Amino acid sequence: MTDRLKKNIIELTRRSAGENILAPKLPLIVLADNVRSLHNIGALLRTADAFAVREVIMAGISGTPPHPEISKSALGAEDSVKWHHADDALTEICRLKEEGWRVCVLEQTHNSTPLQDYRPEHNDKLLLVVGNEVHGVNQLIVDVADVVLEIPQYGAKHSLNVSTSAAIAMYQLSLYLAM
């Protein structure tokens, strides 16, 4: 059963953080709208690394590296993923929209599109916006979105952790975006 042996760290090593920054990326940016938990920011960076996301934008009160709590969950992804901070999420989103990025908000709204049913257009550049752990994405941002995506849920709880839902969305969107 050697085909089921777990890979060791050498086998799992892909490239250095510097090489990763320069490697081809998906046309996908993730924007964290007032995400307060530094652990969630770290998890967003780590997942962005896994799915070759072009950039992570931390907006508003969202924390930024360097910070020990971010590093604890990012595990070095803060050095392998391009990121920056924007004071105002809506201003940043409008700027990116003018540059041709399609704004995809991950939120529960009336008439939202189930994530699994969304198919980006060929050559779409997607901006995935995820929101605050309590209040979600700001309604003003929802109002300017090109599409609102929702992850269907079947349990008693009404929401997922922001970094968990962002990871699901990054994975699903990566299936349709060509590198």
C-alpha atoms as a PDB file:
ATOM      1  CA  MET A   1       0.000   0.000   0.000  1.00  0.00           C
ATOM      2  CA  THR A   2       2.835   2.408  -0.732  1.00  0.00           C
ATOM      3  CA  ASP A   3       0.452   4.413  -2.941  1.00  0.00           C
ATOM      4  CA  ARG A   4      -1.342   5.561   0.233  1.00  0.00           C
ATOM      5  CA  LEU A   5       1.687   6.628   2.239  1.00  0.00           C
ATOM      6  CA  LYS A   6       1.409  10.180   3.429  1.00  0.00           C
ATOM      7  CA  LYS A   7       3.719  12.598   1.657  1.00  0.00           C
ATOM      8  CA  ASN A   8       6.599  14.011   3.669  1.00  0.00           C
ATOM      9  CA  ILE A   9       7.427  17.725   3.907  1.00  0.00           C
ATOM     10  CA  ILE A  10       9.995  17.500   1.099  1.00  0.00           C
ATOM     11  CA  GLU A  11       7.396  15.985  -1.243  1.00  0.00           C
ATOM     12  CA  LEU A  12       4.892  18.684  -0.293  1.00  0.00           C
ATOM     13  CA  THR A  13       7.278  21.598  -0.852  1.00  0.00           C
ATOM     14  CA  ARG A  14       6.354  23.376  -4.066  1.00  0.00           C
ATOM     15  CA  ARG A  15       8.254  26.662  -4.258  1.00  0.00           C
ATOM     16  CA  SER A  16       9.595  29.452  -2.084  1.00  0.00           C
ATOM     17  CA  ALA A  17       7.463  32.415  -0.985  1.00  0.00           C
ATOM     18  CA  GLY A  18       9.373  34.669  -3.387  1.00  0.00           C
ATOM     19  CA  GLU A  19       8.847  32.261  -6.281  1.00  0.00           C
ATOM     20  CA  ASN A  20       5.158  32.013  -5.409  1.00  0.00           C
ATOM     21  CA  ILE A  21       4.644  35.785  -5.517  1.00  0.00           C
ATOM     22  CA  LEU A  22       5.934  35.735  -9.121  1.00  0.00           C
ATOM     23  CA  ALA A  23       4.084  32.572 -10.224  1.00  0.00           C
ATOM     24  CA  PRO A  24       0.986  32.770 -12.474  1.00  0.00           C
ATOM     25  CA  LYS A  25      -2.221  33.545 -10.607  1.00  0.00           C
ATOM     26  CA  LEU A  26      -5.918  33.157 -11.180  1.00  0.00           C
ATOM     27  CA  PRO A  27      -7.856  36.288 -12.146  1.00  0.00           C
ATOM     28  CA  LEU A  28      -9.272  36.320  -8.614  1.00  0.00           C
ATOM     29  CA  ILE A  29      -8.855  38.900  -5.861  1.00  0.00           C
ATOM     30  CA  VAL A  30     -10.322  38.451  -2.369  1.00  0.00           C
ATOM     31  CA  LEU A  31     -11.374  41.503  -0.379  1.00  0.00           C
ATOM     32  CA  ALA A  32     -12.024  41.200   3.364  1.00  0.00           C
ATOM     33  CA  ASP A  33     -14.589  43.843   4.357  1.00  0.00           C
ATOM     34  CA  ASN A  34     -13.990  44.682   8.030  1.00  0.00           C
ATOM     35  CA  VAL A  35     -12.946  41.166   9.056  1.00  0.00           C
ATOM     36  CA  ARG A  36     -12.015  41.636  12.699  1.00  0.00           C
ATOM     37  CA  SER A  37     -10.360  38.304  13.537  1.00  0.00           C
ATOM     38  CA  LEU A  38      -6.652  38.168  12.822  1.00  0.00           C
ATOM     39  CA  HIS A  39      -6.896  34.373  12.714  1.00  0.00           C
ATOM     40  CA  ASN A  40      -9.464  34.698   9.913  1.00  0.00           C
ATOM     41  CA  ILE A  41      -7.148  37.052   8.008  1.00  0.00           C
ATOM     42  CA  GLY A  42      -4.346  34.508   8.350  1.00  0.00           C
ATOM     43  CA  ALA A  43      -6.620  31.725   7.148  1.00  0.00           C
ATOM     44  CA  LEU A  44      -7.711  33.840   4.153  1.00  0.00           C
ATOM     45  CA  LEU A  45      -4.061  34.372   3.200  1.00  0.00           C
ATOM     46  CA  ARG A  46      -3.252  30.684   3.559  1.00  0.00           C
ATOM     47  CA  THR A  47      -6.221  29.650   1.419  1.00  0.00           C
ATOM     48  CA  ALA A  48      -5.395  32.347  -1.151  1.00  0.00           C
ATOM     49  CA  ASP A  49      -1.939  30.800  -1.412  1.00  0.00           C
ATOM     50  CA  ALA A  50      -3.432  27.333  -1.943  1.00  0.00           C
ATOM     51  CA  PHE A  51      -5.683  28.468  -4.795  1.00  0.00           C
ATOM     52  CA  ALA A  52      -3.285  30.870  -6.567  1.00  0.00           C
ATOM     53  CA  VAL A  53      -5.370  33.959  -5.782  1.00  0.00           C
ATOM     54  CA  ARG A  54      -3.878  37.113  -7.312  1.00  0.00           C
ATOM     55  CA  GLU A  55      -4.197  39.268  -4.191  1.00  0.00           C
ATOM     56  CA  VAL A  56      -5.915  39.655  -0.828  1.00  0.00           C
ATOM     57  CA  ILE A  57      -7.133  43.108   0.169  1.00  0.00           C
ATOM     58  CA  MET A  58      -7.795  43.795   3.828  1.00  0.00           C
ATOM     59  CA  ALA A  59     -10.215  46.711   4.087  1.00  0.00           C
ATOM     60  CA  GLY A  60     -11.434  48.860   6.943  1.00  0.00           C
ATOM     61  CA  ILE A  61     -10.732  47.369  10.374  1.00  0.00           C
ATOM     62  CA  SER A  62      -9.249  44.182   8.896  1.00  0.00           C
ATOM     63  CA  GLY A  63      -5.807  43.591  10.351  1.00  0.00           C
ATOM     64  CA  THR A  64      -2.670  43.206   8.274  1.00  0.00           C
ATOM     65  CA  PRO A  65       0.664  41.448   8.615  1.00  0.00           C
ATOM     66  CA  PRO A  66       2.996  41.439  10.314  1.00  0.00           C
ATOM     67  CA  HIS A  67       1.162  40.204  13.384  1.00  0.00           C
ATOM     68  CA  PRO A  68       1.700  37.024  15.434  1.00  0.00           C
ATOM     69  CA  GLU A  69      -2.003  36.074  15.350  1.00  0.00           C
ATOM     70  CA  ILE A  70      -2.094  36.357  11.551  1.00  0.00           C
ATOM     71  CA  SER A  71       1.140  34.388  11.218  1.00  0.00           C
ATOM     72  CA  LYS A  72      -0.219  31.640  13.469  1.00  0.00           C
ATOM     73  CA  SER A  73      -2.893  30.689  10.923  1.00  0.00           C
ATOM     74  CA  ALA A  74      -1.220  31.981   7.727  1.00  0.00           C
ATOM     75  CA  LEU A  75       1.849  29.789   8.281  1.00  0.00           C
ATOM     76  CA  GLY A  76       3.983  31.996   6.045  1.00  0.00           C
ATOM     77  CA  ALA A  77       1.337  32.797   3.431  1.00  0.00           C
ATOM     78  CA  GLU A  78       1.585  36.453   4.435  1.00  0.00           C
ATOM     79  CA  ASP A  79       4.935  36.330   2.602  1.00  0.00           C
ATOM     80  CA  SER A  80       3.813  34.240  -0.390  1.00  0.00           C
ATOM     81  CA  VAL A  81       0.586  36.081  -1.308  1.00  0.00           C
ATOM     82  CA  LYS A  82       0.358  39.640  -2.580  1.00  0.00           C
ATOM     83  CA  TRP A  83      -1.752  41.748  -0.222  1.00  0.00           C
ATOM     84  CA  HIS A  84      -2.481  45.323   0.748  1.00  0.00           C
ATOM     85  CA  HIS A  85      -4.746  47.331   3.024  1.00  0.00           C
ATOM     86  CA  ALA A  86      -7.479  49.686   1.811  1.00  0.00           C
ATOM     87  CA  ASP A  87      -9.013  52.189   4.212  1.00  0.00           C
ATOM     88  CA  ASP A  88     -12.425  52.054   2.552  1.00  0.00           C
ATOM     89  CA  ALA A  89     -13.763  48.849   0.999  1.00  0.00           C
ATOM     90  CA  LEU A  90     -16.407  50.532  -1.145  1.00  0.00           C
ATOM     91  CA  THR A  91     -13.909  52.954  -2.696  1.00  0.00           C
ATOM     92  CA  GLU A  92     -11.515  50.090  -3.436  1.00  0.00           C
ATOM     93  CA  ILE A  93     -14.307  47.974  -4.931  1.00  0.00           C
ATOM     94  CA  CYS A  94     -15.476  50.820  -7.177  1.00  0.00           C
ATOM     95  CA  ARG A  95     -11.881  51.354  -8.365  1.00  0.00           C
ATOM     96  CA  LEU A  96     -11.500  47.674  -9.211  1.00  0.00           C
ATOM     97  CA  LYS A  97     -14.906  47.576 -10.883  1.00  0.00           C
ATOM     98  CA  GLU A  98     -13.796  50.448 -13.140  1.00  0.00           C
ATOM     99  CA  GLU A  99     -10.733  48.337 -14.031  1.00  0.00           C
ATOM    100  CA  GLY A 100     -13.024  45.549 -15.236  1.00  0.00           C
ATOM    101  CA  TRP A 101     -13.211  43.328 -12.175  1.00  0.00           C
ATOM    102  CA  ARG A 102     -16.576  41.602 -11.687  1.00  0.00           C
ATOM    103  CA  VAL A 103     -17.713  42.064  -8.059  1.00  0.00           C
ATOM    104  CA  CYS A 104     -18.911  38.835  -6.446  1.00  0.00           C
ATOM    105  CA  VAL A 105     -20.199  39.279  -2.906  1.00  0.00           C
ATOM    106  CA  LEU A 106     -20.461  36.224  -0.672  1.00  0.00           C
ATOM    107  CA  GLU A 107     -23.600  36.916   1.331  1.00  0.00           C
ATOM    108  CA  GLN A 108     -27.096  35.665   2.084  1.00  0.00           C
ATOM    109  CA  THR A 109     -29.631  37.860   0.283  1.00  0.00           C
ATOM    110  CA  HIS A 110     -32.969  37.552  -1.445  1.00  0.00           C
ATOM    111  CA  ASN A 111     -32.344  36.323  -4.992  1.00  0.00           C
ATOM    112  CA  SER A 112     -28.711  35.373  -4.363  1.00  0.00           C
ATOM    113  CA  THR A 113     -27.131  32.806  -6.673  1.00  0.00           C
ATOM    114  CA  PRO A 114     -26.175  29.461  -5.144  1.00  0.00           C
ATOM    115  CA  LEU A 115     -22.381  29.265  -5.365  1.00  0.00           C
ATOM    116  CA  GLN A 116     -22.443  25.925  -7.155  1.00  0.00           C
ATOM    117  CA  ASP A 117     -24.664  27.381  -9.914  1.00  0.00           C
ATOM    118  CA  TYR A 118     -22.448  30.376 -10.712  1.00  0.00           C
ATOM    119  CA  ARG A 119     -20.360  30.160 -13.868  1.00  0.00           C
ATOM    120  CA  PRO A 120     -18.016  33.058 -14.571  1.00  0.00           C
ATOM    121  CA  GLU A 121     -17.864  34.277 -18.143  1.00  0.00           C
ATOM    122  CA  HIS A 122     -14.772  33.418 -20.152  1.00  0.00           C
ATOM    123  CA  ASN A 123     -11.968  35.858 -19.269  1.00  0.00           C
ATOM    124  CA  ASP A 124     -13.816  37.270 -16.237  1.00  0.00           C
ATOM    125  CA  LYS A 125     -11.672  38.856 -13.560  1.00  0.00           C
ATOM    126  CA  LEU A 126     -13.413  38.217 -10.236  1.00  0.00           C
ATOM    127  CA  LEU A 127     -13.317  40.200  -7.020  1.00  0.00           C
ATOM    128  CA  LEU A 128     -14.676  38.028  -4.202  1.00  0.00           C
ATOM    129  CA  VAL A 129     -15.864  40.135  -1.262  1.00  0.00           C
ATOM    130  CA  VAL A 130     -16.280  38.505   2.144  1.00  0.00           C
ATOM    131  CA  GLY A 131     -17.571  40.274   5.218  1.00  0.00           C
ATOM    132  CA  ASN A 132     -17.443  40.923   8.898  1.00  0.00           C
ATOM    133  CA  GLU A 133     -17.971  37.961  11.214  1.00  0.00           C
ATOM    134  CA  VAL A 134     -21.145  39.462  12.750  1.00  0.00           C
ATOM    135  CA  HIS A 135     -22.599  41.892  10.213  1.00  0.00           C
ATOM    136  CA  GLY A 136     -21.443  40.327   6.938  1.00  0.00           C
ATOM    137  CA  VAL A 137     -20.721  42.455   3.887  1.00  0.00           C
ATOM    138  CA  ASN A 138     -21.783  46.106   4.087  1.00  0.00           C
ATOM    139  CA  GLN A 139     -25.134  46.636   2.334  1.00  0.00           C
ATOM    140  CA  LEU A 140     -23.660  49.455   0.210  1.00  0.00           C
ATOM    141  CA  ILE A 141     -21.198  46.920  -1.196  1.00  0.00           C
ATOM    142  CA  VAL A 142     -23.950  44.359  -1.764  1.00  0.00           C
ATOM    143  CA  ASP A 143     -25.814  47.052  -3.719  1.00  0.00           C
ATOM    144  CA  VAL A 144     -22.918  47.603  -6.177  1.00  0.00           C
ATOM    145  CA  ALA A 145     -22.150  43.891  -6.639  1.00  0.00           C
ATOM    146  CA  ASP A 146     -22.445  42.266 -10.041  1.00  0.00           C
ATOM    147  CA  VAL A 147     -23.542  39.029  -8.400  1.00  0.00           C
ATOM    148  CA  VAL A 148     -24.320  37.869  -4.861  1.00  0.00           C
ATOM    149  CA  LEU A 149     -23.241  34.307  -4.184  1.00  0.00           C
ATOM    150  CA  GLU A 150     -24.596  32.171  -1.359  1.00  0.00           C
ATOM    151  CA  ILE A 151     -23.391  28.843  -0.023  1.00  0.00           C
ATOM    152  CA  PRO A 152     -26.469  26.687   0.579  1.00  0.00           C
ATOM    153  CA  GLN A 153     -26.594  25.330   4.130  1.00  0.00           C
ATOM    154  CA  TYR A 154     -28.749  22.590   5.568  1.00  0.00           C
ATOM    155  CA  GLY A 155     -28.085  22.584   9.311  1.00  0.00           C
ATOM    156  CA  ALA A 156     -29.487  24.530  12.256  1.00  0.00           C
ATOM    157  CA  LYS A 157     -26.920  27.327  12.030  1.00  0.00           C
ATOM    158  CA  HIS A 158     -27.412  30.126   9.529  1.00  0.00           C
ATOM    159  CA  SER A 159     -23.806  30.888   8.634  1.00  0.00           C
ATOM    160  CA  LEU A 160     -20.249  29.631   8.318  1.00  0.00           C
ATOM    161  CA  ASN A 161     -17.052  31.202   9.603  1.00  0.00           C
ATOM    162  CA  VAL A 162     -15.843  33.846   7.133  1.00  0.00           C
ATOM    163  CA  SER A 163     -12.572  32.088   6.408  1.00  0.00           C
ATOM    164  CA  THR A 164     -14.396  28.776   5.891  1.00  0.00           C
ATOM    165  CA  SER A 165     -16.953  30.268   3.508  1.00  0.00           C
ATOM    166  CA  ALA A 166     -14.213  32.160   1.651  1.00  0.00           C
ATOM    167  CA  ALA A 167     -12.240  28.916   1.271  1.00  0.00           C
ATOM    168  CA  ILE A 168     -15.267  27.139  -0.194  1.00  0.00           C
ATOM    169  CA  ALA A 169     -15.857  30.025  -2.615  1.00  0.00           C
ATOM    170  CA  MET A 170     -12.182  30.263  -3.636  1.00  0.00           C
ATOM    171  CA  TYR A 171     -12.144  26.557  -4.397  1.00  0.00           C
ATOM    172  CA  GLN A 172     -15.403  26.646  -6.372  1.00  0.00           C
ATOM    173  CA  LEU A 173     -14.391  29.720  -8.377  1.00  0.00           C
ATOM    174  CA  SER A 174     -10.928  28.299  -9.061  1.00  0.00           C
ATOM    175  CA  LEU A 175     -12.569  25.399 -10.894  1.00  0.00           C
ATOM    176  CA  TYR A 176     -13.824  27.804 -13.577  1.00  0.00           C
ATOM    177  CA  LEU A 177     -10.999  30.329 -13.817  1.00  0.00           C
ATOM    178  CA  ALA A 178      -8.178  29.555 -16.223  1.00  0.00           C
ATOM    179  CA  MET A 179      -4.595  30.325 -15.343  1.00  0.00           C
END
